[in-house]
């Protein structure tokens, strides 16, 4: 069955009374922005901000640096080393405090898709190398006590009563730890809870508070974890990558972290998009980046990525597309990764740390036979869908794309002038060349400029 083609004229329409109607070209989601409903303050109230307790520095939540033992055994950490960064893998429990982790890769204590799911449905077995590391970790007294402590923490949180917990043998408890070593739900946790030098507890360290280099390392380290999840479990069809910032966006802790969840399906979003891509392989250029450029919605651009104010989303959304011909993050060159990272970082910095948001990654699943570009969506969670949305499936987004652009662009210029984001072109500075996404082989053959408009020769006659 061919997917329904959504006319370009429906993507973004302004009615006579000022109501703006949007339709997402990939999902069909219908969104309205009604005049007057956007006049609300954004972000989280800081009226209750309290001074930071000096004794709680680096110990404010379970993700903080003085509380490493409250998370399951690390799979890897990224540390500063000289003028660069070094990855340390499979540290023993008694070595955790020998270095300071800028970013840590740890299992999620409460998995969305559990280790039991993979084991019972697919007969999944932990790979030999991971099994060897597990045995090595548990062979030491400190490692075994760490794992038992975290298992106890998990059992308590799951509601298991004390009498039942006490009946579990040590071997049964250690068996539960398989999820810590071979599971498919992981976290990438940043070092800071608050910005360096913070005096009050609302001064949280968001993605935008990182330096461009730190953000690049954060992104690169996440991609390394994603690739590992695919390699270590052949039943994984897709690894969802996302970041929930602040509790209104679904975060358990207001401490910067990304999540990776391995699943055995491509996901509904990918299946819907796949139909549309097969019908029009150039849809991401035509219905996304090109349209955004024609409507002056592009907010930033560099050599390998482009960002614009998205349309057809339930929440105000910034979309950042990789221009690379490669469809998957782990196949990008370092230069391509850095360019995408710089725009994602700049969009977070422009939003500021007070706005709750979800960062979502979209890319081609490994078993898909058509190219799809990698893109990152940053959704500002500044409204709550209610009865009207549930009954009509028409969503009220209080900030339309043009207003979002007008909020973000001045802030980007300010951040650029202050040297807080990487060099990039902003708004009217952007080239916005049509079909700049090179994932489509037909577009790559044309090159990055219009072949039908060659440069003027030096001896061209003026006025002809």
Protein backbone atom coordinates (compact mmCIF):
# COMPACT_ATOMS: atom_id res chain seq x y z
CA UNK A 1 0.00 0.00 0.00
CA UNK A 2 1.40 3.37 -1.00
CA UNK A 3 1.68 5.92 1.80
CA UNK A 4 -0.58 8.96 1.61
CA UNK A 5 1.27 11.87 0.00
CA UNK A 6 0.98 15.03 2.08
CA UNK A 7 0.87 18.15 -0.15
CA UNK A 8 3.62 20.67 0.49
CA UNK A 9 0.97 23.39 0.84
CA UNK A 10 -0.22 21.66 4.02
CA UNK A 11 3.16 21.67 5.79
CA UNK A 12 2.77 25.20 7.12
CA UNK A 13 -0.26 27.47 6.63
CA UNK A 14 -1.23 30.79 8.22
CA UNK A 15 -4.98 31.43 8.46
CA UNK A 16 -6.61 34.87 8.21
CA UNK A 17 -7.05 35.17 11.99
CA UNK A 18 -3.39 34.31 12.65
CA UNK A 19 -3.89 30.63 13.46
CA UNK A 20 -0.98 28.58 12.09
CA UNK A 21 -1.69 25.03 10.93
CA UNK A 22 1.11 22.53 10.40
CA UNK A 23 1.29 18.95 9.15
CA UNK A 24 4.39 16.82 9.63
CA UNK A 25 5.40 15.44 6.20
CA UNK A 26 6.81 12.24 7.75
CA UNK A 27 4.24 11.34 10.40
CA UNK A 28 1.09 13.19 9.33
CA UNK A 29 0.81 14.78 12.79
CA UNK A 30 -1.44 17.86 12.65
CA UNK A 31 -0.53 20.84 14.82
CA UNK A 32 -2.17 24.22 15.37
CA UNK A 33 -0.73 27.35 16.93
CA UNK A 34 -3.58 29.57 18.13
CA UNK A 35 -2.98 33.33 18.64
CA UNK A 36 -2.58 34.24 22.30
CA UNK A 37 -1.92 30.77 23.68
CA UNK A 38 1.84 31.19 23.36
CA UNK A 39 2.02 34.10 25.80
CA UNK A 40 3.36 31.99 28.63
CA UNK A 41 6.74 32.00 30.37
CA UNK A 42 9.05 29.17 29.31
CA UNK A 43 11.20 26.99 31.49
CA UNK A 44 11.08 25.88 35.08
CA UNK A 45 10.39 28.35 37.87
CA UNK A 46 13.49 29.20 39.89
CA UNK A 47 11.61 30.87 42.75
CA UNK A 48 12.45 27.94 45.02
CA UNK A 49 16.17 28.00 44.21
CA UNK A 50 18.26 27.28 47.29
CA UNK A 51 21.98 27.63 47.99
CA UNK A 52 24.11 24.63 47.10
CA UNK A 53 25.26 22.78 50.20
CA UNK A 54 29.10 22.74 50.01
CA UNK A 55 29.13 19.26 51.57
CA UNK A 56 27.01 17.97 48.68
CA UNK A 57 29.33 19.07 45.87
CA UNK A 58 29.72 16.10 43.49
CA UNK A 59 27.33 14.11 45.69
CA UNK A 60 23.93 15.67 44.97
CA UNK A 61 22.38 12.65 43.22
CA UNK A 62 23.22 9.04 42.38
CA UNK A 63 24.87 10.16 39.12
CA UNK A 64 27.38 12.44 40.84
CA UNK A 65 31.11 11.76 41.00
CA UNK A 66 31.33 10.93 44.71
CA UNK A 67 28.59 8.30 44.36
CA UNK A 68 30.01 6.04 41.64
CA UNK A 69 29.14 2.93 43.64
CA UNK A 70 25.41 3.69 43.52
CA UNK A 71 25.23 2.83 39.83
CA UNK A 72 25.87 -0.63 38.33
CA UNK A 73 29.40 -1.53 37.17
CA UNK A 74 30.75 0.84 34.53
CA UNK A 75 31.21 -0.37 30.98
CA UNK A 76 33.47 2.56 30.09
CA UNK A 77 34.44 6.08 31.11
CA UNK A 78 35.93 9.03 29.28
CA UNK A 79 38.63 10.96 31.14
CA UNK A 80 40.77 13.97 30.33
CA UNK A 81 44.31 12.95 29.44
CA UNK A 82 46.82 15.65 28.68
CA UNK A 83 45.30 17.83 25.97
CA UNK A 84 42.80 15.17 24.89
CA UNK A 85 40.45 12.48 26.14
CA UNK A 86 41.01 8.78 26.81
CA UNK A 87 38.50 5.95 27.12
CA UNK A 88 38.93 3.50 30.00
CA UNK A 89 36.96 0.27 29.81
CA UNK A 90 35.82 -2.24 32.44
CA UNK A 91 37.38 -0.64 35.50
CA UNK A 92 37.35 -2.67 38.70
CA UNK A 93 35.34 -1.36 41.63
CA UNK A 94 38.45 -0.43 43.62
CA UNK A 95 39.74 1.70 40.70
CA UNK A 96 36.62 3.83 40.19
CA UNK A 97 37.87 6.77 42.24
CA UNK A 98 41.40 6.79 40.80
CA UNK A 99 40.28 9.02 37.91
CA UNK A 100 37.56 11.60 37.31
CA UNK A 101 35.09 10.56 34.63
CA UNK A 102 33.98 13.35 32.31
CA UNK A 103 31.39 10.89 30.97
CA UNK A 104 30.48 7.43 32.23
CA UNK A 105 28.75 4.59 30.43
CA UNK A 106 26.70 2.59 32.93
CA UNK A 107 23.77 0.15 32.74
CA UNK A 108 20.34 1.50 33.61
CA UNK A 109 19.23 0.03 36.92
CA UNK A 110 15.62 -0.07 35.69
CA UNK A 111 15.61 -1.29 32.10
CA UNK A 112 12.86 -0.52 29.59
CA UNK A 113 13.74 -3.72 27.70
CA UNK A 114 15.18 -6.11 30.25
CA UNK A 115 17.97 -8.65 30.04
CA UNK A 116 15.32 -11.32 30.76
CA UNK A 117 13.44 -10.17 27.65
CA UNK A 118 16.41 -10.97 25.44
CA UNK A 119 17.25 -14.19 27.25
CA UNK A 120 13.75 -15.68 27.37
CA UNK A 121 12.52 -14.54 23.97
CA UNK A 122 15.70 -15.04 21.94
CA UNK A 123 17.84 -17.35 24.09
CA UNK A 124 20.39 -14.55 24.16
CA UNK A 125 23.68 -15.42 25.84
CA UNK A 126 26.23 -12.93 27.12
CA UNK A 127 29.22 -12.83 24.70
CA UNK A 128 32.34 -14.57 25.97
CA UNK A 129 34.36 -11.35 26.38
CA UNK A 130 31.63 -9.75 28.50
CA UNK A 131 31.16 -12.95 30.52
CA UNK A 132 34.91 -12.97 31.23
CA UNK A 133 34.76 -9.37 32.44
CA UNK A 134 31.77 -10.18 34.67
CA UNK A 135 33.62 -13.09 36.29
CA UNK A 136 36.73 -10.93 36.71
CA UNK A 137 34.70 -8.13 38.33
CA UNK A 138 32.93 -10.48 40.73
CA UNK A 139 36.18 -12.27 41.63
CA UNK A 140 37.29 -9.31 43.75
CA UNK A 141 35.71 -8.62 47.13
CA UNK A 142 35.10 -4.96 46.28
CA UNK A 143 33.45 -5.86 42.95
CA UNK A 144 31.24 -8.52 44.45
CA UNK A 145 30.11 -6.23 47.28
CA UNK A 146 29.41 -3.43 44.81
CA UNK A 147 27.20 -5.69 42.68
CA UNK A 148 25.37 -7.13 45.69
CA UNK A 149 24.75 -3.63 47.00
CA UNK A 150 23.24 -2.49 43.69
CA UNK A 151 21.15 -5.68 43.40
CA UNK A 152 19.75 -5.00 46.88
CA UNK A 153 18.97 -1.44 45.84
CA UNK A 154 17.10 -2.71 42.79
CA UNK A 155 15.13 -5.30 44.75
CA UNK A 156 14.04 -2.71 47.30
CA UNK A 157 12.97 -0.27 44.60
CA UNK A 158 10.97 -3.01 42.84
CA UNK A 159 8.84 -3.42 45.97
CA UNK A 160 10.13 -6.83 47.06
CA UNK A 161 9.58 -7.22 50.80
CA UNK A 162 12.47 -7.80 53.18
CA UNK A 163 11.49 -11.36 54.06
CA UNK A 164 11.54 -12.44 50.42
CA UNK A 165 14.84 -10.64 49.81
CA UNK A 166 16.41 -12.41 52.75
CA UNK A 167 15.51 -15.81 51.27
CA UNK A 168 17.59 -15.13 48.15
CA UNK A 169 21.00 -16.75 48.24
CA UNK A 170 24.13 -14.86 47.19
CA UNK A 171 24.31 -16.90 43.99
CA UNK A 172 20.70 -15.99 43.14
CA UNK A 173 21.47 -12.34 43.75
CA UNK A 174 24.57 -12.48 41.57
CA UNK A 175 22.53 -14.13 38.83
CA UNK A 176 20.39 -10.99 38.75
CA UNK A 177 23.54 -9.03 37.96
CA UNK A 178 23.70 -10.44 34.42
CA UNK A 179 21.66 -7.41 33.38
CA UNK A 180 24.45 -5.11 34.59
CA UNK A 181 26.97 -6.68 32.24
CA UNK A 182 24.96 -7.95 29.25
CA UNK A 183 21.86 -5.75 29.23
CA UNK A 184 20.80 -3.43 26.42
CA UNK A 185 19.70 -0.27 28.28
CA UNK A 186 22.57 2.08 29.07
CA UNK A 187 23.22 5.61 30.30
CA UNK A 188 25.90 8.09 29.31
CA UNK A 189 26.30 10.28 32.39
CA UNK A 190 28.11 13.61 32.43
CA UNK A 191 30.41 14.63 35.30
CA UNK A 192 28.74 17.82 36.45
CA UNK A 193 25.41 18.12 38.21
CA UNK A 194 25.77 21.89 38.55
CA UNK A 195 27.90 24.24 36.48
CA UNK A 196 31.37 24.79 37.90
CA UNK A 197 31.23 27.44 40.61
CA UNK A 198 27.45 27.15 41.08
CA UNK A 199 26.06 28.81 44.19
CA UNK A 200 22.36 27.80 43.85
CA UNK A 201 20.68 24.57 42.93
CA UNK A 202 19.00 25.90 39.80
CA UNK A 203 22.39 26.38 38.11
CA UNK A 204 22.29 22.98 36.45
CA UNK A 205 24.87 21.79 33.93
CA UNK A 206 22.88 21.23 30.75
CA UNK A 207 24.13 20.19 27.30
CA UNK A 208 24.46 23.85 26.38
CA UNK A 209 26.70 24.46 29.41
CA UNK A 210 29.34 22.08 28.01
CA UNK A 211 32.11 23.44 25.82
CA UNK A 212 31.89 22.54 22.12
CA UNK A 213 34.76 20.07 22.65
CA UNK A 214 33.06 18.45 25.66
CA UNK A 215 29.84 18.12 23.71
CA UNK A 216 31.66 16.49 20.80
CA UNK A 217 33.21 13.96 23.18
CA UNK A 218 29.79 13.36 24.76
CA UNK A 219 28.29 12.64 21.33
CA UNK A 220 31.23 10.50 20.17
CA UNK A 221 31.20 8.46 23.39
CA UNK A 222 27.46 7.84 22.99
CA UNK A 223 27.97 6.59 19.42
CA UNK A 224 30.67 4.21 20.66
CA UNK A 225 28.15 2.74 23.12
CA UNK A 226 25.48 2.47 20.41
CA UNK A 227 27.82 0.54 18.13
CA UNK A 228 28.74 -1.83 20.97
CA UNK A 229 25.09 -2.64 21.65
CA UNK A 230 24.61 -3.72 18.05
CA UNK A 231 27.82 -5.77 18.01
CA UNK A 232 27.11 -7.58 21.30
CA UNK A 233 23.54 -8.64 20.55
CA UNK A 234 22.70 -9.81 17.03
CA UNK A 235 18.96 -9.73 17.81
CA UNK A 236 18.94 -5.94 18.16
CA UNK A 237 17.21 -4.25 15.24
CA UNK A 238 17.37 -0.68 16.53
CA UNK A 239 19.04 1.26 19.34
CA UNK A 240 16.96 4.23 20.42
CA UNK A 241 19.05 7.17 21.65
CA UNK A 242 17.49 10.03 23.56
CA UNK A 243 18.08 12.58 26.29
CA UNK A 244 15.45 13.77 28.77
CA UNK A 245 16.41 17.10 30.30
CA UNK A 246 14.58 18.08 33.51
CA UNK A 247 11.69 16.27 35.15
CA UNK A 248 8.90 17.75 32.95
CA UNK A 249 10.68 16.05 30.02
CA UNK A 250 10.78 12.68 31.80
CA UNK A 251 14.15 12.83 33.58
CA UNK A 252 14.48 10.90 36.85
CA UNK A 253 17.47 13.06 37.81
CA UNK A 254 18.19 16.66 36.79
CA UNK A 255 21.70 15.49 35.96
CA UNK A 256 22.79 15.49 32.32
CA UNK A 257 22.67 12.03 30.74
CA UNK A 258 21.69 10.25 27.54
CA UNK A 259 19.94 6.89 27.31
CA UNK A 260 20.38 4.06 24.82
CA UNK A 261 17.77 1.32 24.58
CA UNK A 262 18.23 -1.72 22.33
CA UNK A 263 14.97 -3.09 20.90
CA UNK A 264 14.01 -5.97 18.62
CA UNK A 265 11.91 -3.83 16.29
CA UNK A 266 12.62 -0.82 14.10
CA UNK A 267 9.92 1.17 15.85
CA UNK A 268 6.70 2.69 14.49
CA UNK A 269 8.39 5.97 13.53
CA UNK A 270 10.93 4.20 11.33
CA UNK A 271 8.32 1.96 9.71
CA UNK A 272 6.13 4.95 8.77
CA UNK A 273 9.09 6.92 7.44
CA UNK A 274 10.40 3.93 5.52
CA UNK A 275 7.22 3.80 3.42
CA UNK A 276 7.55 7.47 2.56
CA UNK A 277 11.26 7.20 1.74
CA UNK A 278 10.62 4.32 -0.62
CA UNK A 279 7.95 6.39 -2.37
CA UNK A 280 10.26 9.42 -2.60
CA UNK A 281 13.96 8.75 -1.86
CA UNK A 282 14.67 12.50 -1.75
CA UNK A 283 11.94 13.29 0.76
CA UNK A 284 14.32 14.48 3.51
CA UNK A 285 15.65 17.16 1.21
CA UNK A 286 12.35 18.14 -0.38
CA UNK A 287 9.99 17.94 2.60
CA UNK A 288 12.43 18.96 5.34
CA UNK A 289 15.57 20.98 4.64
CA UNK A 290 14.58 22.53 1.29
CA UNK A 291 11.14 23.55 2.57
CA UNK A 292 12.66 25.01 5.75
CA UNK A 293 15.08 27.06 3.65
CA UNK A 294 12.32 28.36 1.36
CA UNK A 295 10.35 29.48 4.45
CA UNK A 296 13.38 31.10 6.14
CA UNK A 297 13.30 28.61 9.03
CA UNK A 298 17.00 27.68 8.90
CA UNK A 299 18.72 28.84 12.10
CA UNK A 300 22.31 27.59 11.61
CA UNK A 301 24.53 25.73 9.18
CA UNK A 302 28.11 24.54 8.82
CA UNK A 303 29.96 22.34 6.35
CA UNK A 304 28.41 19.03 7.36
CA UNK A 305 25.13 19.86 9.15
CA UNK A 306 22.13 22.18 9.05
CA UNK A 307 19.56 23.17 11.72
CA UNK A 308 16.10 24.66 11.36
CA UNK A 309 12.90 25.35 13.27
CA UNK A 310 10.80 22.28 12.63
CA UNK A 311 7.14 22.09 11.66
CA UNK A 312 4.42 19.55 12.38
CA UNK A 313 5.58 18.68 15.90
CA UNK A 314 3.60 18.52 19.13
CA UNK A 315 6.25 20.66 20.81
CA UNK A 316 8.48 23.48 19.53
CA UNK A 317 11.25 21.51 17.82
CA UNK A 318 14.69 22.27 16.44
CA UNK A 319 15.85 19.77 13.80
CA UNK A 320 19.53 19.19 13.09
CA UNK A 321 20.39 17.13 10.00
CA UNK A 322 23.72 15.62 9.07
CA UNK A 323 24.58 16.35 5.43
CA UNK A 324 26.77 13.25 5.25
CA UNK A 325 26.27 10.62 2.59
CA UNK A 326 26.59 8.08 5.41
CA UNK A 327 23.30 7.07 7.01
CA UNK A 328 24.52 5.87 10.40
CA UNK A 329 26.31 7.80 13.15
CA UNK A 330 29.16 5.30 13.65
CA UNK A 331 30.14 5.61 9.99
CA UNK A 332 30.52 9.38 10.06
CA UNK A 333 33.96 10.94 9.81
CA UNK A 334 35.30 12.89 12.81
CA UNK A 335 34.72 16.14 10.89
CA UNK A 336 31.10 15.22 10.17
CA UNK A 337 30.50 14.23 13.79
CA UNK A 338 31.99 17.46 15.06
CA UNK A 339 29.87 19.58 12.72
CA UNK A 340 26.65 17.89 13.81
CA UNK A 341 27.71 18.08 17.45
CA UNK A 342 28.43 21.80 17.14
CA UNK A 343 24.92 22.55 15.88
CA UNK A 344 23.22 20.32 18.48
CA UNK A 345 25.29 21.99 21.20
CA UNK A 346 24.46 25.47 19.89
CA UNK A 347 20.73 24.71 19.81
CA UNK A 348 20.84 23.50 23.43
CA UNK A 349 22.85 26.56 24.46
CA UNK A 350 20.35 28.86 22.75
CA UNK A 351 17.47 27.23 24.62
CA UNK A 352 19.25 27.55 27.95
CA UNK A 353 19.17 25.16 30.92
CA UNK A 354 15.70 26.17 32.16
CA UNK A 355 13.68 24.75 29.28
CA UNK A 356 12.76 21.05 29.67
CA UNK A 357 13.50 19.21 26.45
CA UNK A 358 13.88 15.84 24.78
CA UNK A 359 16.75 15.16 22.41
CA UNK A 360 15.92 12.32 20.03
CA UNK A 361 18.16 10.65 17.45
CA UNK A 362 16.85 9.27 14.15
CA UNK A 363 18.99 7.28 11.73
CA UNK A 364 18.80 4.33 9.32
CA UNK A 365 18.30 0.99 11.11
CA UNK A 366 21.02 -1.48 10.08
CA UNK A 367 18.59 -3.82 8.30
CA UNK A 368 16.93 -1.12 6.17
CA UNK A 369 17.75 -1.19 2.46
CA UNK A 370 17.29 2.52 1.62
CA UNK A 371 19.43 5.46 2.77
CA UNK A 372 18.06 7.78 5.46
CA UNK A 373 19.97 10.74 6.95
CA UNK A 374 20.93 10.97 10.62
CA UNK A 375 19.08 13.78 12.34
CA UNK A 376 18.64 14.99 15.91
CA UNK A 377 15.43 16.59 17.14
CA UNK A 378 15.36 18.85 20.20
CA UNK A 379 11.81 19.20 21.50
CA UNK A 380 10.96 21.91 24.03
CA UNK A 381 8.51 20.38 26.53
CA UNK A 382 6.75 23.65 27.34
CA UNK A 383 3.14 22.45 27.02
CA UNK A 384 1.09 19.44 28.05
CA UNK A 385 -1.27 17.69 25.58
CA UNK A 386 -4.73 17.48 27.12
CA UNK A 387 -8.34 16.57 26.30
CA UNK A 388 -8.56 18.56 23.08
CA UNK A 389 -5.51 16.81 21.66
CA UNK A 390 -6.69 13.38 22.80
CA UNK A 391 -10.12 13.80 21.28
CA UNK A 392 -9.10 15.33 17.95
CA UNK A 393 -5.49 14.23 17.40
CA UNK A 394 -4.86 17.90 16.56
CA UNK A 395 -2.08 19.14 18.81
CA UNK A 396 -1.80 22.70 20.10
CA UNK A 397 1.82 23.84 19.92
CA UNK A 398 2.10 27.20 21.64
CA UNK A 399 5.19 28.31 19.67
CA UNK A 400 5.02 28.26 15.87
CA UNK A 401 8.18 27.64 13.79
CA UNK A 402 8.73 31.31 12.91
CA UNK A 403 8.44 32.36 16.55
CA UNK A 404 10.82 29.58 17.55
CA UNK A 405 13.31 30.81 14.93
CA UNK A 406 12.97 34.38 16.21
CA UNK A 407 13.67 33.23 19.79
CA UNK A 408 16.69 31.13 18.85
CA UNK A 409 18.53 33.20 16.22
CA UNK A 410 19.38 36.30 18.35
CA UNK A 411 20.61 34.01 21.09
CA UNK A 412 22.82 32.11 18.63
CA UNK A 413 24.41 35.37 17.47
CA UNK A 414 25.04 36.37 21.10
CA UNK A 415 26.61 33.00 21.95
CA UNK A 416 28.72 33.11 18.80
CA UNK A 417 30.00 36.61 19.61
CA UNK A 418 30.85 35.48 23.15
CA UNK A 419 32.80 32.48 21.83
CA UNK A 420 30.60 30.00 23.70
CA UNK A 421 29.61 28.00 20.63
CA UNK A 422 31.66 26.82 17.65
CA UNK A 423 31.96 28.97 14.51
CA UNK A 424 28.95 28.54 12.23
CA UNK A 425 26.70 30.45 9.88
CA UNK A 426 23.48 31.70 11.43
CA UNK A 427 20.12 32.49 9.79
CA UNK A 428 20.64 34.82 6.80
CA UNK A 429 24.34 33.88 6.68
CA UNK A 430 23.47 30.29 5.69
CA UNK A 431 23.89 29.21 2.08
CA UNK A 432 20.80 26.96 2.15
CA UNK A 433 21.75 25.21 -1.10
CA UNK A 434 18.84 22.97 -2.17
CA UNK A 435 19.36 19.23 -1.71
CA UNK A 436 22.31 19.77 0.63
CA UNK A 437 21.70 16.37 2.30
CA UNK A 438 23.89 13.89 0.46
CA UNK A 439 22.37 10.64 1.78
CA UNK A 440 20.51 10.23 -1.54
CA UNK A 441 22.87 8.79 -4.24
CA UNK A 442 21.06 10.75 -6.97
CA UNK A 443 21.77 14.01 -5.14
CA UNK A 444 25.41 13.09 -4.50
CA UNK A 445 25.98 12.73 -8.22
CA UNK A 446 24.95 16.34 -8.70
CA UNK A 447 27.42 17.68 -6.15
CA UNK A 448 26.76 20.35 -3.54
CA UNK A 449 26.04 23.24 -5.93
CA UNK A 450 23.77 23.78 -8.92
CA UNK A 451 25.58 22.31 -11.97
CA UNK A 452 23.24 24.26 -14.24
CA UNK A 453 24.60 27.53 -12.81
CA UNK A 454 28.37 27.44 -13.40
CA UNK A 455 30.49 30.32 -12.03
CA UNK A 456 30.62 33.38 -14.26
CA UNK A 457 33.78 33.53 -16.33
CA UNK A 458 36.10 36.47 -15.83
CA UNK A 459 35.44 37.77 -19.33
CA UNK A 460 31.65 37.71 -19.10
CA UNK A 461 30.09 40.85 -20.51
CA UNK A 462 28.30 42.99 -17.93
CA UNK A 463 24.57 43.40 -18.41
CA UNK A 464 24.09 40.51 -20.84
